[in-house]
C-alpha atoms as a PDB file:
ATOM      1  CA  MET A   1     -62.708 -18.597 -17.362  1.00  0.00           C
ATOM      2  CA  SER A   2     -64.941 -18.077 -20.913  1.00  0.00           C
ATOM      3  CA  ALA A   3     -64.965 -20.550 -23.379  1.00  0.00           C
ATOM      4  CA  GLY A   4     -63.254 -18.501 -25.634  1.00  0.00           C
ATOM      5  CA  ASN A   5     -60.494 -17.941 -23.052  1.00  0.00           C
ATOM      6  CA  ALA A   6     -60.005 -21.464 -22.710  1.00  0.00           C
ATOM      7  CA  ALA A   7     -56.369 -22.316 -21.509  1.00  0.00           C
ATOM      8  CA  ARG A   8     -54.365 -22.674 -24.452  1.00  0.00           C
ATOM      9  CA  HIS A   9     -51.645 -25.482 -24.526  1.00  0.00           C
ATOM     10  CA  ARG A  10     -48.469 -25.100 -26.267  1.00  0.00           C
ATOM     11  CA  ALA A  11     -47.802 -27.615 -28.950  1.00  0.00           C
ATOM     12  CA  ALA A  12     -45.862 -30.570 -27.968  1.00  0.00           C
ATOM     13  CA  ARG A  13     -42.386 -30.177 -29.270  1.00  0.00           C
ATOM     14  CA  ARG A  14     -40.028 -32.833 -30.245  1.00  0.00           C
ATOM     15  CA  PRO A  15     -36.626 -32.984 -28.225  1.00  0.00           C
ATOM     16  CA  VAL A  16     -33.713 -31.144 -29.532  1.00  0.00           C
ATOM     17  CA  THR A  17     -30.859 -33.811 -30.041  1.00  0.00           C
ATOM     18  CA  PRO A  18     -27.615 -33.664 -31.920  1.00  0.00           C
ATOM     19  CA  LEU A  19     -29.358 -35.389 -34.751  1.00  0.00           C
ATOM     20  CA  THR A  20     -32.265 -32.899 -35.011  1.00  0.00           C
ATOM     21  CA  GLU A  21     -29.977 -30.553 -36.997  1.00  0.00           C
ATOM     22  CA  ILE A  22     -28.729 -33.247 -39.144  1.00  0.00           C
ATOM     23  CA  ALA A  23     -32.193 -34.744 -39.494  1.00  0.00           C
ATOM     24  CA  GLN A  24     -33.216 -30.892 -40.388  1.00  0.00           C
ATOM     25  CA  THR A  25     -30.711 -30.634 -43.189  1.00  0.00           C
ATOM     26  CA  VAL A  26     -31.269 -33.883 -44.839  1.00  0.00           C
ATOM     27  CA  GLY A  27     -35.104 -33.312 -44.791  1.00  0.00           C
ATOM     28  CA  SER A  28     -35.260 -29.805 -46.228  1.00  0.00           C
ATOM     29  CA  GLY A  29     -35.104 -31.643 -49.701  1.00  0.00           C
ATOM     30  CA  ALA A  30     -38.487 -33.222 -50.713  1.00  0.00           C
ATOM     31  CA  GLY A  31     -38.412 -36.842 -51.479  1.00  0.00           C
ATOM     32  CA  LYS A  32     -34.913 -37.272 -50.718  1.00  0.00           C
ATOM     33  CA  ARG A  33     -33.597 -40.187 -49.151  1.00  0.00           C
ATOM     34  CA  ALA A  34     -30.627 -40.680 -46.878  1.00  0.00           C
ATOM     35  CA  ALA A  35     -27.938 -42.800 -46.724  1.00  0.00           C
ATOM     36  CA  VAL A  36     -27.073 -43.520 -43.202  1.00  0.00           C
ATOM     37  CA  VAL A  37     -23.855 -45.832 -42.345  1.00  0.00           C
ATOM     38  CA  ALA A  38     -23.125 -47.005 -38.992  1.00  0.00           C
ATOM     39  CA  THR A  39     -19.467 -46.799 -37.918  1.00  0.00           C
ATOM     40  CA  ALA A  40     -17.527 -47.393 -34.671  1.00  0.00           C
ATOM     41  CA  GLY A  41     -17.194 -43.520 -34.092  1.00  0.00           C
ATOM     42  CA  GLY A  42     -20.973 -42.473 -34.845  1.00  0.00           C
ATOM     43  CA  LEU A  43     -23.278 -41.998 -37.754  1.00  0.00           C
ATOM     44  CA  ILE A  44     -22.345 -40.774 -41.501  1.00  0.00           C
ATOM     45  CA  ILE A  45     -25.140 -39.455 -43.301  1.00  0.00           C
ATOM     46  CA  SER A  46     -25.077 -38.563 -47.149  1.00  0.00           C
ATOM     47  CA  THR A  47     -27.845 -37.298 -49.166  1.00  0.00           C
ATOM     48  CA  LEU A  48     -28.725 -39.440 -52.302  1.00  0.00           C
ATOM     49  CA  GLY A  49     -28.827 -37.296 -55.592  1.00  0.00           C
ATOM     50  CA  ALA A  50     -25.992 -35.104 -54.290  1.00  0.00           C
ATOM     51  CA  SER A  51     -23.587 -33.561 -56.684  1.00  0.00           C
ATOM     52  CA  THR A  52     -20.477 -35.592 -57.731  1.00  0.00           C
ATOM     53  CA  ALA A  53     -18.122 -33.174 -55.988  1.00  0.00           C
ATOM     54  CA  GLN A  54     -20.258 -33.664 -52.755  1.00  0.00           C
ATOM     55  CA  ALA A  55     -20.799 -37.413 -52.705  1.00  0.00           C
ATOM     56  CA  ALA A  56     -18.081 -39.813 -52.398  1.00  0.00           C
ATOM     57  CA  PRO A  57     -18.595 -43.120 -54.349  1.00  0.00           C
ATOM     58  CA  ALA A  58     -19.532 -46.361 -52.151  1.00  0.00           C
ATOM     59  CA  PRO A  59     -16.688 -49.013 -52.429  1.00  0.00           C
ATOM     60  CA  ASN A  60     -17.720 -51.707 -54.731  1.00  0.00           C
ATOM     61  CA  ASP A  61     -16.820 -54.400 -52.322  1.00  0.00           C
ATOM     62  CA  ALA A  62     -19.908 -56.664 -50.917  1.00  0.00           C
ATOM     63  CA  ALA A  63     -18.585 -56.689 -47.459  1.00  0.00           C
ATOM     64  CA  THR A  64     -18.411 -52.897 -47.161  1.00  0.00           C
ATOM     65  CA  LYS A  65     -21.601 -51.881 -49.397  1.00  0.00           C
ATOM     66  CA  LEU A  66     -23.734 -49.313 -47.354  1.00  0.00           C
ATOM     67  CA  SER A  67     -27.123 -49.773 -46.384  1.00  0.00           C
ATOM     68  CA  THR A  68     -29.817 -47.168 -47.371  1.00  0.00           C
ATOM     69  CA  VAL A  69     -32.656 -46.687 -45.117  1.00  0.00           C
ATOM     70  CA  GLU A  70     -35.010 -44.004 -44.267  1.00  0.00           C
ATOM     71  CA  LEU A  71     -33.713 -41.665 -42.137  1.00  0.00           C
ATOM     72  CA  GLY A  72     -36.790 -41.438 -40.076  1.00  0.00           C
ATOM     73  CA  ALA A  73     -36.528 -45.206 -39.311  1.00  0.00           C
ATOM     74  CA  LEU A  74     -33.280 -44.761 -37.765  1.00  0.00           C
ATOM     75  CA  THR A  75     -34.286 -41.534 -35.822  1.00  0.00           C
ATOM     76  CA  ASN A  76     -35.445 -43.378 -32.853  1.00  0.00           C
ATOM     77  CA  GLN A  77     -32.526 -45.905 -32.559  1.00  0.00           C
ATOM     78  CA  ALA A  78     -30.100 -43.012 -32.782  1.00  0.00           C
ATOM     79  CA  ARG A  79     -32.117 -41.371 -29.969  1.00  0.00           C
ATOM     80  CA  ALA A  80     -31.955 -44.074 -27.807  1.00  0.00           C
ATOM     81  CA  ALA A  81     -27.998 -44.615 -28.325  1.00  0.00           C
ATOM     82  CA  LEU A  82     -27.283 -41.195 -27.485  1.00  0.00           C
ATOM     83  CA  ALA A  83     -29.397 -41.306 -24.552  1.00  0.00           C
ATOM     84  CA  ALA A  84     -27.623 -44.530 -23.214  1.00  0.00           C
ATOM     85  CA  ALA A  85     -24.060 -43.039 -24.079  1.00  0.00           C
ATOM     86  CA  PRO A  86     -22.387 -41.933 -21.010  1.00  0.00           C
ATOM     87  CA  ALA A  87     -21.209 -38.658 -20.831  1.00  0.00           C
ATOM     88  CA  VAL A  88     -17.796 -37.753 -20.031  1.00  0.00           C
ATOM     89  CA  THR A  89     -16.967 -34.382 -18.935  1.00  0.00           C
ATOM     90  CA  VAL A  90     -13.292 -32.832 -18.391  1.00  0.00           C
ATOM     91  CA  ALA A  91     -12.681 -29.572 -16.878  1.00  0.00           C
ATOM     92  CA  ALA A  92     -11.153 -26.946 -18.867  1.00  0.00           C
ATOM     93  CA  ASP A  93      -8.466 -26.450 -16.250  1.00  0.00           C
ATOM     94  CA  ALA A  94      -7.881 -29.975 -15.615  1.00  0.00           C
ATOM     95  CA  GLN A  95      -4.032 -31.174 -15.592  1.00  0.00           C
ATOM     96  CA  VAL A  96      -2.717 -34.333 -16.618  1.00  0.00           C
ATOM     97  CA  GLU A  97       0.329 -35.424 -14.588  1.00  0.00           C
ATOM     98  CA  VAL A  98       2.608 -37.961 -16.435  1.00  0.00           C
ATOM     99  CA  GLU A  99       5.551 -39.459 -14.337  1.00  0.00           C
ATOM    100  CA  VAL A 100       8.745 -39.417 -16.297  1.00  0.00           C
ATOM    101  CA  VAL A 101      11.693 -41.207 -14.799  1.00  0.00           C
ATOM    102  CA  SER A 102      14.915 -39.290 -15.889  1.00  0.00           C
ATOM    103  CA  ALA A 103      18.068 -41.023 -17.008  1.00  0.00           C
ATOM    104  CA  GLU A 104      19.555 -39.656 -13.715  1.00  0.00           C
ATOM    105  CA  ALA A 105      17.074 -41.658 -11.704  1.00  0.00           C
ATOM    106  CA  GLU A 106      17.955 -44.721 -13.521  1.00  0.00           C
ATOM    107  CA  THR A 107      21.439 -44.383 -12.623  1.00  0.00           C
ATOM    108  CA  ALA A 108      20.718 -43.867  -9.260  1.00  0.00           C
ATOM    109  CA  VAL A 109      19.050 -47.169  -8.806  1.00  0.00           C
ATOM    110  CA  GLN A 110      21.684 -49.569  -8.055  1.00  0.00           C
ATOM    111  CA  VAL A 111      21.254 -53.572  -8.455  1.00  0.00           C
ATOM    112  CA  THR A 112      23.620 -55.515  -6.350  1.00  0.00           C
ATOM    113  CA  PRO A 113      24.386 -59.093  -8.273  1.00  0.00           C
ATOM    114  CA  ALA A 114      24.020 -62.331  -6.217  1.00  0.00           C
ATOM    115  CA  PRO A 115      26.901 -63.465  -4.700  1.00  0.00           C
ATOM    116  CA  ARG A 116      28.994 -65.905  -6.539  1.00  0.00           C
ATOM    117  CA  PRO A 117      28.711 -69.471  -5.154  1.00  0.00           C
ATOM    118  CA  ARG A 118      32.025 -70.514  -3.410  1.00  0.00           C
ATOM    119  CA  VAL A 119      34.011 -73.184  -5.254  1.00  0.00           C
ATOM    120  CA  VAL A 120      35.789 -75.433  -2.787  1.00  0.00           C
ATOM    121  CA  GLN A 121      38.712 -76.930  -4.140  1.00  0.00           C
ATOM    122  CA  GLN A 122      39.499 -80.262  -2.850  1.00  0.00           C
ATOM    123  CA  ARG A 123      43.184 -80.713  -2.363  1.00  0.00           C
ATOM    124  CA  ALA A 124      44.474 -83.716  -4.097  1.00  0.00           C
ATOM    125  CA  THR A 125      45.720 -86.145  -1.462  1.00  0.00           C
ATOM    126  CA  THR A 126      48.331 -88.697  -2.358  1.00  0.00           C
ATOM    127  CA  THR A 127      48.803 -91.630  -0.175  1.00  0.00           C
ATOM    128  CA  ALA A 128      52.125 -93.249  -0.009  1.00  0.00           C
ATOM    129  CA  SER A 129      52.160 -96.846  -0.934  1.00  0.00           C
ATOM    130  CA  ARG A 130      52.594 -98.423   2.610  1.00  0.00           C
ATOM    131  CA  THR A 131      53.286-101.807   1.137  1.00  0.00           C
ATOM    132  CA  ALA A 132      56.529-100.309   0.291  1.00  0.00           C
ATOM    133  CA  ASP A 133      57.397 -99.550   3.706  1.00  0.00           C
ATOM    134  CA  ARG A 134      56.548-102.619   4.848  1.00  0.00           C
ATOM    135  CA  THR A 135      58.536-104.775   2.430  1.00  0.00           C
ATOM    136  CA  GLU A 136      61.841-105.563   2.758  1.00  0.00           C
ATOM    137  CA  ALA A 137      64.587-103.563   0.577  1.00  0.00           C
ATOM    138  CA  ALA A 138      65.540-105.412  -2.183  1.00  0.00           C
ATOM    139  CA  PRO A 139      68.878-107.162  -2.129  1.00  0.00           C
ATOM    140  CA  THR A 140      72.075-105.552  -3.741  1.00  0.00           C
ATOM    141  CA  ILE A 141      72.641-107.483  -6.742  1.00  0.00           C
ATOM    142  CA  GLY A 142      76.677-108.272  -7.240  1.00  0.00           C
ATOM    143  CA  ALA A 143      79.404-108.219  -4.856  1.00  0.00           C
ATOM    144  CA  ALA A 144      83.098-107.531  -5.041  1.00  0.00           C
ATOM    145  CA  VAL A 145      85.474-110.618  -5.648  1.00  0.00           C
ATOM    146  CA  PRO A 146      87.309-111.700  -2.548  1.00  0.00           C
ATOM    147  CA  ASP A 147      90.733-111.487  -2.913  1.00  0.00           C
ATOM    148  CA  PHE A 148      91.184-115.620  -2.434  1.00  0.00           C
ATOM    149  CA  ALA A 149      89.298-115.786  -5.672  1.00  0.00           C
ATOM    150  CA  ASN A 150      91.177-113.176  -7.674  1.00  0.00           C
ATOM    151  CA  GLY A 151      92.208-114.686 -11.387  1.00  0.00           C
ATOM    152  CA  SER A 152      89.248-116.999 -11.429  1.00  0.00           C
ATOM    153  CA  ALA A 153      86.825-115.930 -14.433  1.00  0.00           C
ATOM    154  CA  VAL A 154      84.307-118.168 -13.115  1.00  0.00           C
ATOM    155  CA  VAL A 155      84.261-116.719  -9.620  1.00  0.00           C
ATOM    156  CA  SER A 156      84.003-113.194 -11.066  1.00  0.00           C
ATOM    157  CA  VAL A 157      81.139-113.999 -13.201  1.00  0.00           C
ATOM    158  CA  ALA A 158      79.398-115.630 -10.016  1.00  0.00           C
ATOM    159  CA  MET A 159      79.696-112.861  -7.962  1.00  0.00           C
ATOM    160  CA  ARG A 160      77.656-110.386 -10.295  1.00  0.00           C
ATOM    161  CA  TYR A 161      74.742-112.536  -9.359  1.00  0.00           C
ATOM    162  CA  VAL A 162      74.872-112.335  -5.590  1.00  0.00           C
ATOM    163  CA  GLY A 163      71.546-111.414  -4.027  1.00  0.00           C
ATOM    164  CA  VAL A 164      69.342-112.791  -6.967  1.00  0.00           C
ATOM    165  CA  PRO A 165      66.763-114.786  -5.665  1.00  0.00           C
ATOM    166  CA  TYR A 166      66.071-118.446  -5.591  1.00  0.00           C
ATOM    167  CA  VAL A 167      63.262-119.649  -8.045  1.00  0.00           C
ATOM    168  CA  SER A 168      62.651-123.166  -8.571  1.00  0.00           C
ATOM    169  CA  GLY A 169      63.610-124.254 -12.050  1.00  0.00           C
ATOM    170  CA  GLY A 170      65.040-120.704 -12.652  1.00  0.00           C
ATOM    171  CA  THR A 171      67.947-120.396 -15.210  1.00  0.00           C
ATOM    172  CA  THR A 172      68.107-116.587 -15.986  1.00  0.00           C
ATOM    173  CA  PRO A 173      69.422-113.382 -13.740  1.00  0.00           C
ATOM    174  CA  ASP A 174      65.600-113.260 -12.836  1.00  0.00           C
ATOM    175  CA  GLY A 175      65.792-116.273 -10.476  1.00  0.00           C
ATOM    176  CA  PHE A 176      67.915-119.199 -10.302  1.00  0.00           C
ATOM    177  CA  ASP A 177      67.937-122.729  -8.672  1.00  0.00           C
ATOM    178  CA  CYS A 178      71.169-124.349  -7.816  1.00  0.00           C
ATOM    179  CA  SER A 179      71.833-126.209 -11.365  1.00  0.00           C
ATOM    180  CA  GLY A 180      70.301-123.298 -13.307  1.00  0.00           C
ATOM    181  CA  PHE A 181      72.850-120.861 -11.329  1.00  0.00           C
ATOM    182  CA  THR A 182      76.030-123.354 -12.194  1.00  0.00           C
ATOM    183  CA  GLN A 183      74.884-123.776 -15.670  1.00  0.00           C
ATOM    184  CA  TYR A 184      74.331-120.108 -16.595  1.00  0.00           C
ATOM    185  CA  VAL A 185      77.688-118.861 -14.901  1.00  0.00           C
ATOM    186  CA  TYR A 186      79.615-121.495 -16.666  1.00  0.00           C
ATOM    187  CA  ALA A 187      78.357-120.747 -20.045  1.00  0.00           C
ATOM    188  CA  GLN A 188      79.539-117.140 -19.691  1.00  0.00           C
ATOM    189  CA  VAL A 189      83.129-118.524 -19.761  1.00  0.00           C
ATOM    190  CA  GLY A 190      82.102-121.175 -22.557  1.00  0.00           C
ATOM    191  CA  ILE A 191      81.604-123.997 -20.646  1.00  0.00           C
ATOM    192  CA  ASN A 192      78.300-125.844 -21.345  1.00  0.00           C
ATOM    193  CA  LEU A 193      76.819-127.704 -18.454  1.00  0.00           C
ATOM    194  CA  PRO A 194      73.956-130.076 -18.263  1.00  0.00           C
ATOM    195  CA  ARG A 195      70.641-128.533 -16.926  1.00  0.00           C
ATOM    196  CA  SER A 196      70.229-130.982 -13.432  1.00  0.00           C
ATOM    197  CA  SER A 197      72.741-131.246 -10.779  1.00  0.00           C
ATOM    198  CA  GLY A 198      72.751-134.904 -11.247  1.00  0.00           C
ATOM    199  CA  ALA A 199      73.949-134.855 -14.814  1.00  0.00           C
ATOM    200  CA  GLN A 200      76.479-131.975 -13.943  1.00  0.00           C
ATOM    201  CA  ARG A 201      78.217-134.837 -11.690  1.00  0.00           C
ATOM    202  CA  SER A 202      79.477-136.837 -14.471  1.00  0.00           C
ATOM    203  CA  VAL A 203      81.169-133.997 -16.266  1.00  0.00           C
ATOM    204  CA  GLY A 204      84.835-133.011 -15.913  1.00  0.00           C
ATOM    205  CA  THR A 205      87.765-134.332 -13.327  1.00  0.00           C
ATOM    206  CA  VAL A 206      87.102-135.111  -9.702  1.00  0.00           C
ATOM    207  CA  VAL A 207      89.631-133.488  -7.416  1.00  0.00           C
ATOM    208  CA  SER A 208      90.476-133.682  -3.731  1.00  0.00           C
ATOM    209  CA  ARG A 209      89.396-130.948  -1.597  1.00  0.00           C
ATOM    210  CA  ALA A 210      93.051-130.017  -0.777  1.00  0.00           C
ATOM    211  CA  ASP A 211      93.730-129.583  -4.382  1.00  0.00           C
ATOM    212  CA  ALA A 212      90.533-127.692  -5.224  1.00  0.00           C
ATOM    213  CA  GLN A 213      90.777-124.094  -6.550  1.00  0.00           C
ATOM    214  CA  PRO A 214      88.666-121.207  -7.194  1.00  0.00           C
ATOM    215  CA  GLY A 215      86.114-121.985  -9.884  1.00  0.00           C
ATOM    216  CA  ASP A 216      85.907-125.941  -9.674  1.00  0.00           C
ATOM    217  CA  LEU A 217      82.483-127.125  -9.286  1.00  0.00           C
ATOM    218  CA  ILE A 218      81.157-128.767  -5.807  1.00  0.00           C
ATOM    219  CA  TRP A 219      78.739-131.311  -5.929  1.00  0.00           C
ATOM    220  CA  SER A 220      76.733-133.384  -3.230  1.00  0.00           C
ATOM    221  CA  PRO A 221      73.490-135.210  -3.563  1.00  0.00           C
ATOM    222  CA  GLY A 222      70.521-133.213  -4.404  1.00  0.00           C
ATOM    223  CA  HIS A 223      72.764-130.126  -4.716  1.00  0.00           C
ATOM    224  CA  VAL A 224      75.585-128.240  -6.769  1.00  0.00           C
ATOM    225  CA  ALA A 225      77.741-124.903  -6.040  1.00  0.00           C
ATOM    226  CA  ILE A 226      80.706-123.444  -7.049  1.00  0.00           C
ATOM    227  CA  TYR A 227      83.841-123.350  -5.153  1.00  0.00           C
ATOM    228  CA  ALA A 228      85.186-119.620  -4.367  1.00  0.00           C
ATOM    229  CA  GLY A 229      88.375-120.786  -2.596  1.00  0.00           C
ATOM    230  CA  ASN A 230      89.328-120.164   1.078  1.00  0.00           C
ATOM    231  CA  GLY A 231      86.475-122.886   2.249  1.00  0.00           C
ATOM    232  CA  MET A 232      83.730-120.686   0.694  1.00  0.00           C
ATOM    233  CA  GLN A 233      81.312-121.520  -2.113  1.00  0.00           C
ATOM    234  CA  LEU A 234      78.839-119.684  -3.919  1.00  0.00           C
ATOM    235  CA  ASP A 235      75.367-121.147  -4.651  1.00  0.00           C
ATOM    236  CA  ALA A 236      71.473-120.738  -4.676  1.00  0.00           C
ATOM    237  CA  PRO A 237      70.628-122.398  -1.297  1.00  0.00           C
ATOM    238  CA  ARG A 238      66.712-123.131  -1.340  1.00  0.00           C
ATOM    239  CA  PRO A 239      63.327-121.190  -1.883  1.00  0.00           C
ATOM    240  CA  GLY A 240      63.360-117.685   0.120  1.00  0.00           C
ATOM    241  CA  LYS A 241      67.025-117.237  -0.073  1.00  0.00           C
ATOM    242  CA  THR A 242      69.307-115.471  -2.515  1.00  0.00           C
ATOM    243  CA  ILE A 243      72.557-116.540  -4.398  1.00  0.00           C
ATOM    244  CA  GLN A 244      75.315-115.832  -1.456  1.00  0.00           C
ATOM    245  CA  LEU A 245      78.884-116.452  -0.844  1.00  0.00           C
ATOM    246  CA  ARG A 246      78.967-118.769   2.245  1.00  0.00           C
ATOM    247  CA  SER A 247      81.099-121.269   3.905  1.00  0.00           C
ATOM    248  CA  ILE A 248      81.044-124.860   2.634  1.00  0.00           C
ATOM    249  CA  TRP A 249      78.459-126.523   4.732  1.00  0.00           C
ATOM    250  CA  GLN A 250      78.226-130.050   3.230  1.00  0.00           C
ATOM    251  CA  SER A 251      79.948-132.838   5.213  1.00  0.00           C
ATOM    252  CA  SER A 252      81.844-134.581   2.273  1.00  0.00           C
ATOM    253  CA  PRO A 253      81.365-132.941  -1.185  1.00  0.00           C
ATOM    254  CA  THR A 254      82.919-133.932  -4.153  1.00  0.00           C
ATOM    255  CA  PHE A 255      85.034-131.263  -6.260  1.00  0.00           C
ATOM    256  CA  ILE A 256      85.159-131.505 -10.117  1.00  0.00           C
ATOM    257  CA  ARG A 257      87.319-129.075 -12.239  1.00  0.00           C
ATOM    258  CA  LEU A 258      86.053-128.324 -15.558  1.00  0.00           C
ATOM    259  CA  GLY A 259      87.870-127.596 -18.909  1.00  0.00           C
END
């Protein structure tokens, strides 16, 4: 091979990139400088010195001022960014499927609520008082006037309190002792007696047992009662007992007529 026919090599050509056309367009104006603005989506290039209709004024805000650089100084950076950017290729006939749940499908889904907790109602139990069952029945207060005492106002009043319990020192229908009972009964017919049985011995007129009448006072040491007639008397015996109509138990009582 001759020297004249020395191998000729093609001049090295710069690689063609998407920026090549932009660079050629910008470089066609001699001495022109380009403003390159980096944005999130790429590069925006505008030539300085363009007509007013073609160039958009830059904002006056300091934070958004455009950086003006030589286009050639940014070429290598732009190339490196484009080379590193991943290429996403989507076929023209690619199909994208979106699953849509219809209203019918939504209604087809049935949600079973959790069962309600069972509320167990406790039955109220009433316990009858057993104390009442064990307690003796309260005595019946009052009794009919016996035939042999008919006509005696004192005996009629005294019979109203048959069954009232004996209470030491008692002077009311809630409870009587012997002298409290006689004092209360005689007061109902207008006769006032002293409080104690010993003091009641000194009032009225003493009569014989044979002459005694219903309504007379029967006295014995430490005790006093009302004569009901027919050998019976009304009195408050002792603690634990009640006023009762019973036979005269004293051996030699004193009968006293009052009024």
